[in-house]
Protein backbone atom coordinates (compact mmCIF):
# COMPACT_ATOMS: atom_id res chain seq x y z
CA UNK A 1 82.72 115.32 92.49
CA UNK A 2 81.07 111.90 92.46
CA UNK A 3 84.41 110.09 92.14
CA UNK A 4 85.78 111.92 95.16
CA UNK A 5 82.57 111.26 97.07
CA UNK A 6 82.94 107.55 96.40
CA UNK A 7 86.62 107.64 97.38
CA UNK A 8 85.85 109.27 100.74
CA UNK A 9 83.37 106.46 101.39
CA UNK A 10 85.92 103.77 100.56
CA UNK A 11 87.93 101.88 103.13
CA UNK A 12 91.05 102.55 101.02
CA UNK A 13 90.90 106.31 101.71
CA UNK A 14 90.90 105.77 105.45
CA UNK A 15 93.55 103.05 105.30
CA UNK A 16 95.83 105.48 103.43
CA UNK A 17 95.40 107.94 106.32
CA UNK A 18 96.02 105.14 108.82
CA UNK A 19 99.14 103.80 107.08
CA UNK A 20 100.65 107.24 106.55
CA UNK A 21 100.27 108.03 110.26
CA UNK A 22 101.67 104.61 111.25
CA UNK A 23 104.63 105.41 108.97
CA UNK A 24 105.20 108.67 110.85
CA UNK A 25 105.13 106.89 114.21
CA UNK A 26 107.53 104.25 112.87
CA UNK A 27 109.84 107.00 111.62
CA UNK A 28 109.76 108.66 115.06
CA UNK A 29 110.74 105.38 116.71
CA UNK A 30 113.47 104.86 114.08
CA UNK A 31 114.93 108.29 114.88
CA UNK A 32 114.73 107.56 118.60
CA UNK A 33 116.04 104.02 118.77
CA UNK A 34 118.16 103.54 115.63
CA UNK A 35 119.55 107.05 115.12
CA UNK A 36 119.59 107.67 118.90
CA UNK A 37 117.90 111.09 118.73
CA UNK A 38 116.21 111.81 122.05
CA UNK A 39 112.65 113.13 121.74
CA UNK A 40 111.66 116.22 123.69
CA UNK A 41 108.29 116.73 125.36
CA UNK A 42 107.00 118.64 122.32
CA UNK A 43 108.08 115.75 120.10
CA UNK A 44 106.08 113.43 122.34
CA UNK A 45 103.03 115.67 122.01
CA UNK A 46 103.47 115.58 118.22
CA UNK A 47 103.49 111.78 118.49
CA UNK A 48 100.17 112.00 120.32
CA UNK A 49 98.77 114.15 117.49
CA UNK A 50 99.91 111.48 115.02
CA UNK A 51 98.28 108.86 117.25
CA UNK A 52 95.08 110.89 116.82
CA UNK A 53 95.47 110.53 113.04
CA UNK A 54 95.90 106.78 113.48
CA UNK A 55 92.72 106.59 115.56
CA UNK A 56 90.85 108.73 113.01
CA UNK A 57 92.02 106.40 110.23
CA UNK A 58 90.92 103.30 112.15
CA UNK A 59 87.57 104.87 112.98
CA UNK A 60 86.92 105.93 109.39
CA UNK A 61 87.98 102.53 108.04
CA UNK A 62 85.58 100.68 110.34
CA UNK A 63 82.46 101.83 108.49
CA UNK A 64 83.38 104.36 105.78
CA UNK A 65 79.93 104.29 104.19
CA UNK A 66 78.21 105.49 107.37
CA UNK A 67 77.96 109.26 107.61
CA UNK A 68 78.50 109.34 111.38
CA UNK A 69 81.76 107.33 111.37
CA UNK A 70 83.11 109.41 108.47
CA UNK A 71 82.16 112.60 110.31
CA UNK A 72 83.82 111.47 113.54
CA UNK A 73 86.90 110.36 111.57
CA UNK A 74 87.05 113.73 109.81
CA UNK A 75 86.74 115.60 113.13
CA UNK A 76 89.53 113.45 114.63
CA UNK A 77 91.65 114.02 111.54
CA UNK A 78 91.14 117.78 111.63
CA UNK A 79 91.73 118.19 115.35
CA UNK A 80 94.83 115.97 115.30
CA UNK A 81 96.36 117.64 112.23
CA UNK A 82 95.64 121.16 113.49
CA UNK A 83 97.02 120.38 116.95
CA UNK A 84 100.08 118.71 115.41
CA UNK A 85 100.66 121.78 113.22
CA UNK A 86 100.39 124.08 116.25
CA UNK A 87 102.85 121.96 118.23
CA UNK A 88 105.29 121.69 115.32
CA UNK A 89 105.25 125.46 114.83
CA UNK A 90 105.90 125.99 118.56
CA UNK A 91 108.74 123.47 118.52
CA UNK A 92 110.24 125.10 115.44
CA UNK A 93 110.11 128.46 117.20
CA UNK A 94 111.93 127.01 120.22
CA UNK A 95 114.64 125.60 117.94
CA UNK A 96 115.04 128.58 115.61
CA UNK A 97 115.01 131.22 118.34
CA UNK A 98 116.19 129.51 121.54
CA UNK A 99 115.70 131.59 124.65
CA UNK A 100 116.36 130.77 128.30
CA UNK A 101 112.96 132.33 129.06
CA UNK A 102 111.08 130.18 126.55
CA UNK A 103 111.61 126.50 127.19
CA UNK A 104 109.48 123.41 127.27
CA UNK A 105 108.80 121.16 130.21
CA UNK A 106 110.97 118.17 131.08
CA UNK A 107 107.94 116.01 131.83
CA UNK A 108 104.83 115.42 129.75
CA UNK A 109 101.58 116.66 131.20
CA UNK A 110 99.10 113.99 130.18
CA UNK A 111 95.70 113.84 131.86
CA UNK A 112 95.45 111.57 134.90
CA UNK A 113 93.01 109.32 133.03
CA UNK A 114 95.47 108.83 130.14
CA UNK A 115 99.09 108.75 131.41
CA UNK A 116 100.63 107.63 128.11
CA UNK A 117 104.14 108.14 129.47
CA UNK A 118 103.40 105.56 132.20
CA UNK A 119 101.47 103.14 129.98
CA UNK A 120 104.03 103.13 127.15
CA UNK A 121 107.20 104.92 128.27
CA UNK A 122 109.27 103.60 125.36
CA UNK A 123 107.11 105.68 123.00
CA UNK A 124 105.73 108.56 125.08
CA UNK A 125 108.49 109.43 127.56
CA UNK A 126 110.68 112.42 126.63
CA UNK A 127 114.43 112.21 127.04
CA UNK A 128 115.62 115.23 125.04
CA UNK A 129 115.45 119.01 125.10
CA UNK A 130 113.15 121.08 122.88
CA UNK A 131 115.92 123.49 121.91
CA UNK A 132 118.04 120.65 120.47
CA UNK A 133 117.97 120.43 116.69
CA UNK A 134 120.16 117.41 115.95
CA UNK A 135 118.74 116.33 112.56
CA UNK A 136 118.12 118.08 109.27
CA UNK A 137 117.36 116.88 105.77
CA UNK A 138 117.81 119.30 102.86
CA UNK A 139 118.57 121.99 105.47
CA UNK A 140 115.10 121.51 106.98
CA UNK A 141 114.75 120.44 110.61
CA UNK A 142 112.50 117.66 111.83
CA UNK A 143 110.10 120.20 113.36
CA UNK A 144 109.89 122.01 110.01
CA UNK A 145 109.24 118.71 108.20
CA UNK A 146 106.41 118.05 110.64
CA UNK A 147 104.96 121.49 109.85
CA UNK A 148 104.96 120.52 106.16
CA UNK A 149 103.47 117.11 106.98
CA UNK A 150 100.59 118.50 109.04
CA UNK A 151 99.88 121.18 106.42
CA UNK A 152 99.58 118.39 103.83
CA UNK A 153 97.22 116.47 106.12
CA UNK A 154 95.07 119.61 106.48
CA UNK A 155 95.05 120.29 102.72
CA UNK A 156 93.97 116.72 101.97
CA UNK A 157 91.31 117.01 104.67
CA UNK A 158 90.03 120.25 103.09
CA UNK A 159 89.78 118.53 99.70
CA UNK A 160 87.93 115.55 101.17
CA UNK A 161 85.68 117.33 103.66
CA UNK A 162 82.76 118.43 101.48
CA UNK A 163 82.63 115.25 99.37
CA UNK A 164 82.78 113.14 102.53
CA UNK A 165 79.79 114.78 104.21
CA UNK A 166 77.72 115.59 101.11
CA UNK A 167 75.04 112.98 100.44
CA UNK A 168 75.44 110.89 97.31
CA UNK A 169 72.85 111.60 94.63
CA UNK A 170 70.68 108.62 93.87
CA UNK A 171 69.17 108.13 90.45
């Protein structure tokens, strides 16, 4: 366990989280602007969950040896990954079983103190419909890939949680 404890206290562990989340955001922008796939409001909310992972990675990388920053980073990681999983499952349900009675909004509902769609509309403004499913890879939709991705984030978090908060034994 000592090796994993040291890894959770390393800047590299948090930078891996940060870079993986930046890669997801870059992929989302690639799909939007290069492949011309319009993101729906649920897709935008998933982007916000990934932004939470980026912030957690930055926070953890700032001072990974301090218990408080690791703890806050872990909380941010867990909340963001769990929320992203919930959103991805909801989006998958809308795509797999489309219903005229179960649709998503056309406009994002960000808090007044954080209108991301106004601050950065090129990233956080939806232009598509939730029931659209225009892209698959290996017969798996983008929403389903995001379910897999967030499950992986949660599994890695579960593996790192105890070693990250457990005090190191001094000799």
